[in-house]
Amino acid sequence: QEMVAVCLHEVRRTMRRGAELLVTFNSVESDDFGRGVKIDDYTYAKVGGPEDGIPHYFVDQREVERLLGAFRIDKLEQRHEDTVDRGTPKHAAHWIAWATKL
C-alpha cells in the first residue's frame, strides 16, 4: 500500500499546479479481493491467467481519500460490473477518482 502512495507522490511531483489526474483503484467489493497469493491485508497476487503473479491492491473509499490527500478530489465514484467468465458469474468493482493538483 505504501508503494501506491509513493507512486502517487511521484505523479503529483511531476504535475503542474492545476493539472488533472484520473486514476482507478480496485475496490474491496470486487470478487477478486482476498483471492490469490496474499501479500498483505489489501494486496493479492493473481494466480493463473494473463495477470499471473501480478499484485493487485484493493481499497475502500477512506483509503482512496487518504491516497489522494495531497490532491483536491473533484469527483469520486465506485463502478460495479457483473460478467460471466467461463460460466462463472464475476463481480468487479473499481473506484474512479478525478483529482486536481493544488
C-alpha atoms as a PDB file:
ATOM      1  CA  GLN A   1       0.000   0.000   0.000  1.00  0.00           C
ATOM      2  CA  GLU A   2       2.825   2.388   0.723  1.00  0.00           C
ATOM      3  CA  MET A   3       4.230   1.691  -2.752  1.00  0.00           C
ATOM      4  CA  VAL A   4       0.966   3.032  -4.195  1.00  0.00           C
ATOM      5  CA  ALA A   5       1.325   6.168  -2.039  1.00  0.00           C
ATOM      6  CA  VAL A   6       4.948   6.598  -3.207  1.00  0.00           C
ATOM      7  CA  CYS A   7       3.884   6.283  -6.859  1.00  0.00           C
ATOM      8  CA  LEU A   8       1.084   8.823  -6.446  1.00  0.00           C
ATOM      9  CA  HIS A   9       3.503  11.193  -4.698  1.00  0.00           C
ATOM     10  CA  GLU A  10       5.851  10.953  -7.693  1.00  0.00           C
ATOM     11  CA  VAL A  11       2.987  11.510 -10.142  1.00  0.00           C
ATOM     12  CA  ARG A  12       1.922  14.591  -8.187  1.00  0.00           C
ATOM     13  CA  ARG A  13       5.504  15.875  -8.027  1.00  0.00           C
ATOM     14  CA  THR A  14       5.754  15.848 -11.824  1.00  0.00           C
ATOM     15  CA  MET A  15       2.390  17.541 -12.411  1.00  0.00           C
ATOM     16  CA  ARG A  16       1.875  21.254 -12.850  1.00  0.00           C
ATOM     17  CA  ARG A  17      -0.418  23.105 -10.466  1.00  0.00           C
ATOM     18  CA  GLY A  18      -3.975  22.808 -11.732  1.00  0.00           C
ATOM     19  CA  ALA A  19      -3.243  19.624 -13.701  1.00  0.00           C
ATOM     20  CA  GLU A  20      -5.887  16.935 -13.559  1.00  0.00           C
ATOM     21  CA  LEU A  21      -5.466  13.298 -12.615  1.00  0.00           C
ATOM     22  CA  LEU A  22      -7.757  10.392 -13.470  1.00  0.00           C
ATOM     23  CA  VAL A  23      -6.980   7.231 -11.521  1.00  0.00           C
ATOM     24  CA  THR A  24      -8.743   3.942 -10.847  1.00  0.00           C
ATOM     25  CA  PHE A  25      -8.327   1.573  -7.923  1.00  0.00           C
ATOM     26  CA  ASN A  26      -9.579  -1.965  -7.344  1.00  0.00           C
ATOM     27  CA  SER A  27     -12.372  -1.968  -4.779  1.00  0.00           C
ATOM     28  CA  VAL A  28     -12.584  -4.292  -1.795  1.00  0.00           C
ATOM     29  CA  GLU A  29     -16.094  -5.050  -3.095  1.00  0.00           C
ATOM     30  CA  SER A  30     -14.636  -6.970  -6.069  1.00  0.00           C
ATOM     31  CA  ASP A  31     -14.861 -10.750  -6.115  1.00  0.00           C
ATOM     32  CA  ASP A  32     -11.064 -10.845  -6.579  1.00  0.00           C
ATOM     33  CA  PHE A  33     -10.443  -9.224  -3.185  1.00  0.00           C
ATOM     34  CA  GLY A  34      -8.919 -11.860  -0.929  1.00  0.00           C
ATOM     35  CA  ARG A  35      -8.125 -14.251  -3.787  1.00  0.00           C
ATOM     36  CA  GLY A  36      -4.662 -15.262  -4.915  1.00  0.00           C
ATOM     37  CA  VAL A  37      -1.395 -15.102  -3.023  1.00  0.00           C
ATOM     38  CA  LYS A  38      -1.717 -12.763  -0.035  1.00  0.00           C
ATOM     39  CA  ILE A  39       0.974 -10.088   0.116  1.00  0.00           C
ATOM     40  CA  ASP A  40      -0.708  -8.003   2.818  1.00  0.00           C
ATOM     41  CA  ASP A  41      -4.267  -7.447   4.041  1.00  0.00           C
ATOM     42  CA  TYR A  42      -5.213  -5.499   0.892  1.00  0.00           C
ATOM     43  CA  THR A  43      -2.784  -6.804  -1.746  1.00  0.00           C
ATOM     44  CA  TYR A  44      -3.088 -10.136  -3.534  1.00  0.00           C
ATOM     45  CA  ALA A  45      -1.118 -11.536  -6.478  1.00  0.00           C
ATOM     46  CA  LYS A  46      -3.258 -13.162  -9.126  1.00  0.00           C
ATOM     47  CA  VAL A  47      -2.811 -16.870  -9.782  1.00  0.00           C
ATOM     48  CA  GLY A  48      -3.174 -18.129 -13.337  1.00  0.00           C
ATOM     49  CA  GLY A  49      -4.305 -16.314 -16.436  1.00  0.00           C
ATOM     50  CA  PRO A  50      -2.660 -13.336 -18.119  1.00  0.00           C
ATOM     51  CA  GLU A  51      -2.135 -11.488 -14.805  1.00  0.00           C
ATOM     52  CA  ASP A  52      -0.476 -14.429 -13.045  1.00  0.00           C
ATOM     53  CA  GLY A  53       1.815 -13.184 -10.282  1.00  0.00           C
ATOM     54  CA  ILE A  54       0.809  -9.533 -10.683  1.00  0.00           C
ATOM     55  CA  PRO A  55      -0.077  -7.873  -7.354  1.00  0.00           C
ATOM     56  CA  HIS A  56      -3.432  -6.102  -7.120  1.00  0.00           C
ATOM     57  CA  TYR A  57      -4.116  -3.574  -4.370  1.00  0.00           C
ATOM     58  CA  PHE A  58      -7.724  -3.169  -3.151  1.00  0.00           C
ATOM     59  CA  VAL A  59      -9.136  -0.096  -1.395  1.00  0.00           C
ATOM     60  CA  ASP A  60     -12.225   1.323   0.237  1.00  0.00           C
ATOM     61  CA  GLN A  61     -13.346   4.943  -0.012  1.00  0.00           C
ATOM     62  CA  ARG A  62     -11.368   6.046   3.032  1.00  0.00           C
ATOM     63  CA  GLU A  63      -8.147   4.649   1.540  1.00  0.00           C
ATOM     64  CA  VAL A  64      -8.766   6.423  -1.793  1.00  0.00           C
ATOM     65  CA  GLU A  65      -9.214   9.684   0.110  1.00  0.00           C
ATOM     66  CA  ARG A  66      -6.013   9.039   2.082  1.00  0.00           C
ATOM     67  CA  LEU A  67      -4.003   8.207  -1.036  1.00  0.00           C
ATOM     68  CA  LEU A  68      -5.237  11.349  -2.788  1.00  0.00           C
ATOM     69  CA  GLY A  69      -4.945  13.579   0.264  1.00  0.00           C
ATOM     70  CA  ALA A  70      -2.480  15.923  -1.476  1.00  0.00           C
ATOM     71  CA  PHE A  71      -4.960  16.464  -4.335  1.00  0.00           C
ATOM     72  CA  ARG A  72      -8.384  18.049  -4.489  1.00  0.00           C
ATOM     73  CA  ILE A  73     -10.773  15.208  -5.301  1.00  0.00           C
ATOM     74  CA  ASP A  74     -13.223  16.640  -7.811  1.00  0.00           C
ATOM     75  CA  LYS A  75     -15.276  13.505  -8.314  1.00  0.00           C
ATOM     76  CA  LEU A  76     -15.174  10.040  -6.790  1.00  0.00           C
ATOM     77  CA  GLU A  77     -17.382   7.155  -7.773  1.00  0.00           C
ATOM     78  CA  GLN A  78     -17.468   3.429  -7.434  1.00  0.00           C
ATOM     79  CA  ARG A  79     -18.403   1.430 -10.514  1.00  0.00           C
ATOM     80  CA  HIS A  80     -19.618  -2.155 -10.489  1.00  0.00           C
ATOM     81  CA  GLU A  81     -19.575  -4.640 -13.351  1.00  0.00           C
ATOM     82  CA  ASP A  82     -21.083  -8.101 -13.397  1.00  0.00           C
ATOM     83  CA  THR A  83     -19.816 -10.520 -16.037  1.00  0.00           C
ATOM     84  CA  VAL A  84     -19.680 -14.251 -16.653  1.00  0.00           C
ATOM     85  CA  ASP A  85     -16.260 -15.875 -17.096  1.00  0.00           C
ATOM     86  CA  ARG A  86     -16.373 -19.439 -18.433  1.00  0.00           C
ATOM     87  CA  GLY A  87     -19.832 -19.907 -16.973  1.00  0.00           C
ATOM     88  CA  THR A  88     -18.944 -18.405 -13.578  1.00  0.00           C
ATOM     89  CA  PRO A  89     -20.532 -15.095 -12.516  1.00  0.00           C
ATOM     90  CA  LYS A  90     -17.944 -12.489 -11.564  1.00  0.00           C
ATOM     91  CA  HIS A  91     -18.359  -9.121  -9.870  1.00  0.00           C
ATOM     92  CA  ALA A  92     -15.751  -6.386 -10.346  1.00  0.00           C
ATOM     93  CA  ALA A  93     -15.776  -3.027  -8.608  1.00  0.00           C
ATOM     94  CA  HIS A  94     -13.443  -0.069  -9.047  1.00  0.00           C
ATOM     95  CA  TRP A  95     -13.070   3.368  -7.513  1.00  0.00           C
ATOM     96  CA  ILE A  96     -12.600   6.076 -10.126  1.00  0.00           C
ATOM     97  CA  ALA A  97     -11.231   9.411  -8.983  1.00  0.00           C
ATOM     98  CA  TRP A  98     -10.877  12.691 -10.824  1.00  0.00           C
ATOM     99  CA  ALA A  99      -8.496  14.968  -8.933  1.00  0.00           C
ATOM    100  CA  THR A 100      -6.588  18.212  -9.349  1.00  0.00           C
ATOM    101  CA  LYS A 101      -3.135  19.177  -8.134  1.00  0.00           C
ATOM    102  CA  LEU A 102      -3.443  22.225  -5.914  1.00  0.00           C
END
